[in-house]
Amino acid sequence: MKLVTAVIKPHKWEDVRQALETAGVSGMTVGEVSGYGRQKGHTEVYRGAEYEISLVPKIRLEVAIDDEDVETVVAAIETSAQTGRIGDGKIWVSPLESVVRVRTGDRDEAAL
């Protein structure tokens, strides 16, 4: 099992959600987060005044999947979240030792 974690731009969320549903993902965890990468935030102008935004809003999603589905899920996120501009996000794939479904007590693959 693997845990796929992605941080993407908020306006791409709906595209990513649809791509994951098409790829067969039945559940995920999603949250609003803030952070910065190499660009260390950015500068904007509001009513003629320039100000710095040091933490950029993002969407973080996590999907627990079987090993054989990793490439499909990563490709779905990558292609649907991509804008070609700085700050598109990142995708991490981590090993997942165990999963427990709280309601039934199912473990590992049965809990996915």
C-alpha atoms as a PDB file:
ATOM      1  CA  MET A   1       0.000   0.000   0.000  1.00  0.00           C
ATOM      2  CA  LYS A   2       1.049   3.585  -0.631  1.00  0.00           C
ATOM      3  CA  LEU A   3       0.018   7.010   0.588  1.00  0.00           C
ATOM      4  CA  VAL A   4      -0.052   9.581  -2.205  1.00  0.00           C
ATOM      5  CA  THR A   5       0.054  13.164  -0.905  1.00  0.00           C
ATOM      6  CA  ALA A   6      -0.276  16.130  -3.241  1.00  0.00           C
ATOM      7  CA  VAL A   7      -0.221  19.886  -2.743  1.00  0.00           C
ATOM      8  CA  ILE A   8      -1.915  21.757  -5.594  1.00  0.00           C
ATOM      9  CA  LYS A   9      -3.286  25.175  -6.519  1.00  0.00           C
ATOM     10  CA  PRO A  10      -6.824  25.720  -5.182  1.00  0.00           C
ATOM     11  CA  HIS A  11      -8.345  26.564  -8.570  1.00  0.00           C
ATOM     12  CA  LYS A  12      -7.227  23.157  -9.921  1.00  0.00           C
ATOM     13  CA  TRP A  13      -9.005  21.186  -7.186  1.00  0.00           C
ATOM     14  CA  GLU A  14     -12.138  20.384  -9.184  1.00  0.00           C
ATOM     15  CA  ASP A  15     -10.078  19.171 -12.171  1.00  0.00           C
ATOM     16  CA  VAL A  16      -7.979  16.935  -9.903  1.00  0.00           C
ATOM     17  CA  ARG A  17     -11.067  15.567  -8.119  1.00  0.00           C
ATOM     18  CA  GLN A  18     -12.684  14.612 -11.417  1.00  0.00           C
ATOM     19  CA  ALA A  19      -9.462  13.011 -12.687  1.00  0.00           C
ATOM     20  CA  LEU A  20      -9.132  10.931  -9.506  1.00  0.00           C
ATOM     21  CA  GLU A  21     -12.734   9.773  -9.714  1.00  0.00           C
ATOM     22  CA  THR A  22     -12.140   8.757 -13.343  1.00  0.00           C
ATOM     23  CA  ALA A  23      -9.014   6.862 -12.212  1.00  0.00           C
ATOM     24  CA  GLY A  24     -11.149   4.877  -9.755  1.00  0.00           C
ATOM     25  CA  VAL A  25     -10.212   6.562  -6.478  1.00  0.00           C
ATOM     26  CA  SER A  26     -13.106   6.059  -4.079  1.00  0.00           C
ATOM     27  CA  GLY A  27     -11.924   8.125  -1.105  1.00  0.00           C
ATOM     28  CA  MET A  28      -9.479  10.837  -0.189  1.00  0.00           C
ATOM     29  CA  THR A  29      -8.728  13.402   2.501  1.00  0.00           C
ATOM     30  CA  VAL A  30      -8.563  17.058   1.465  1.00  0.00           C
ATOM     31  CA  GLY A  31      -7.581  20.158   3.404  1.00  0.00           C
ATOM     32  CA  GLU A  32      -6.773  23.805   2.863  1.00  0.00           C
ATOM     33  CA  VAL A  33      -3.148  24.578   3.716  1.00  0.00           C
ATOM     34  CA  SER A  34      -0.683  27.425   3.230  1.00  0.00           C
ATOM     35  CA  GLY A  35       3.000  27.376   2.424  1.00  0.00           C
ATOM     36  CA  TYR A  36       5.724  28.448   0.063  1.00  0.00           C
ATOM     37  CA  GLY A  37       8.399  26.916  -2.107  1.00  0.00           C
ATOM     38  CA  ARG A  38      11.394  28.337  -3.886  1.00  0.00           C
ATOM     39  CA  GLN A  39       9.599  31.577  -4.707  1.00  0.00           C
ATOM     40  CA  LYS A  40       9.127  32.364  -0.965  1.00  0.00           C
ATOM     41  CA  GLY A  41       5.632  33.732  -1.583  1.00  0.00           C
ATOM     42  CA  HIS A  42       4.863  36.578  -3.981  1.00  0.00           C
ATOM     43  CA  THR A  43       4.010  40.264  -4.232  1.00  0.00           C
ATOM     44  CA  GLU A  44       0.585  41.619  -5.145  1.00  0.00           C
ATOM     45  CA  VAL A  45      -0.886  45.058  -5.656  1.00  0.00           C
ATOM     46  CA  TYR A  46      -4.197  45.989  -4.016  1.00  0.00           C
ATOM     47  CA  ARG A  47      -5.674  49.476  -4.539  1.00  0.00           C
ATOM     48  CA  GLY A  48      -2.301  50.783  -5.597  1.00  0.00           C
ATOM     49  CA  ALA A  49      -0.435  49.448  -2.567  1.00  0.00           C
ATOM     50  CA  GLU A  50       2.093  46.657  -2.983  1.00  0.00           C
ATOM     51  CA  TYR A  51       2.255  43.966  -0.323  1.00  0.00           C
ATOM     52  CA  GLU A  52       3.935  40.604   0.163  1.00  0.00           C
ATOM     53  CA  ILE A  53       2.130  37.302   0.525  1.00  0.00           C
ATOM     54  CA  SER A  54       4.558  34.987   2.294  1.00  0.00           C
ATOM     55  CA  LEU A  55       2.227  31.980   2.640  1.00  0.00           C
ATOM     56  CA  VAL A  56       0.438  30.941  -0.533  1.00  0.00           C
ATOM     57  CA  PRO A  57      -2.924  29.120  -0.187  1.00  0.00           C
ATOM     58  CA  LYS A  58      -2.910  25.516  -1.449  1.00  0.00           C
ATOM     59  CA  ILE A  59      -4.994  22.333  -1.322  1.00  0.00           C
ATOM     60  CA  ARG A  60      -3.456  19.196   0.191  1.00  0.00           C
ATOM     61  CA  LEU A  61      -4.941  15.842  -0.671  1.00  0.00           C
ATOM     62  CA  GLU A  62      -4.079  12.381   0.562  1.00  0.00           C
ATOM     63  CA  VAL A  63      -5.064   9.089  -1.036  1.00  0.00           C
ATOM     64  CA  ALA A  64      -4.316   5.612   0.348  1.00  0.00           C
ATOM     65  CA  ILE A  65      -4.088   3.139  -2.546  1.00  0.00           C
ATOM     66  CA  ASP A  66      -2.836  -0.296  -3.557  1.00  0.00           C
ATOM     67  CA  ASP A  67       0.687  -0.478  -4.981  1.00  0.00           C
ATOM     68  CA  GLU A  68      -0.515  -1.277  -8.514  1.00  0.00           C
ATOM     69  CA  ASP A  69      -2.600   1.938  -8.682  1.00  0.00           C
ATOM     70  CA  VAL A  70       0.234   4.360  -7.872  1.00  0.00           C
ATOM     71  CA  GLU A  71       1.244   5.308 -11.415  1.00  0.00           C
ATOM     72  CA  THR A  72      -2.372   5.828 -12.513  1.00  0.00           C
ATOM     73  CA  VAL A  73      -3.173   8.065  -9.543  1.00  0.00           C
ATOM     74  CA  VAL A  74       0.054  10.085  -9.773  1.00  0.00           C
ATOM     75  CA  ALA A  75      -0.465  10.615 -13.525  1.00  0.00           C
ATOM     76  CA  ALA A  76      -4.077  11.715 -12.928  1.00  0.00           C
ATOM     77  CA  ILE A  77      -2.991  14.305 -10.352  1.00  0.00           C
ATOM     78  CA  GLU A  78      -0.016  15.490 -12.393  1.00  0.00           C
ATOM     79  CA  THR A  79      -1.879  16.056 -15.653  1.00  0.00           C
ATOM     80  CA  SER A  80      -4.976  17.621 -14.085  1.00  0.00           C
ATOM     81  CA  ALA A  81      -3.117  19.959 -11.687  1.00  0.00           C
ATOM     82  CA  GLN A  82      -0.533  21.187 -14.177  1.00  0.00           C
ATOM     83  CA  THR A  83      -0.664  24.814 -15.367  1.00  0.00           C
ATOM     84  CA  GLY A  84       2.954  25.152 -16.455  1.00  0.00           C
ATOM     85  CA  ARG A  85       3.601  27.992 -14.013  1.00  0.00           C
ATOM     86  CA  ILE A  86       5.627  28.212 -10.815  1.00  0.00           C
ATOM     87  CA  GLY A  87       3.769  26.876  -7.786  1.00  0.00           C
ATOM     88  CA  ASP A  88       1.806  24.080  -9.457  1.00  0.00           C
ATOM     89  CA  GLY A  89       2.598  21.878  -6.455  1.00  0.00           C
ATOM     90  CA  LYS A  90       4.221  18.586  -5.516  1.00  0.00           C
ATOM     91  CA  ILE A  91       3.273  14.920  -5.248  1.00  0.00           C
ATOM     92  CA  TRP A  92       4.800  12.539  -2.695  1.00  0.00           C
ATOM     93  CA  VAL A  93       4.453   8.754  -2.631  1.00  0.00           C
ATOM     94  CA  SER A  94       5.165   7.099   0.729  1.00  0.00           C
ATOM     95  CA  PRO A  95       4.973   3.504   1.907  1.00  0.00           C
ATOM     96  CA  LEU A  96       1.939   2.785   4.059  1.00  0.00           C
ATOM     97  CA  GLU A  97       2.499   0.144   6.710  1.00  0.00           C
ATOM     98  CA  SER A  98      -1.043  -0.319   7.951  1.00  0.00           C
ATOM     99  CA  VAL A  99      -4.584   1.027   7.557  1.00  0.00           C
ATOM    100  CA  VAL A 100      -7.516   0.410   9.911  1.00  0.00           C
ATOM    101  CA  ARG A 101     -11.138   1.226   9.093  1.00  0.00           C
ATOM    102  CA  VAL A 102     -12.470   2.529  12.397  1.00  0.00           C
ATOM    103  CA  ARG A 103     -16.121   1.525  11.849  1.00  0.00           C
ATOM    104  CA  THR A 104     -15.496  -2.166  11.090  1.00  0.00           C
ATOM    105  CA  GLY A 105     -11.953  -2.844  12.238  1.00  0.00           C
ATOM    106  CA  ASP A 106     -10.949  -3.929   8.703  1.00  0.00           C
ATOM    107  CA  ARG A 107      -7.196  -3.781   8.232  1.00  0.00           C
ATOM    108  CA  ASP A 108      -4.800  -3.024   5.392  1.00  0.00           C
ATOM    109  CA  GLU A 109      -6.098  -3.790   1.864  1.00  0.00           C
ATOM    110  CA  ALA A 110      -9.577  -4.602   3.190  1.00  0.00           C
ATOM    111  CA  ALA A 111      -9.708  -1.123   4.758  1.00  0.00           C
ATOM    112  CA  LEU A 112      -8.935   0.644   1.491  1.00  0.00           C
END
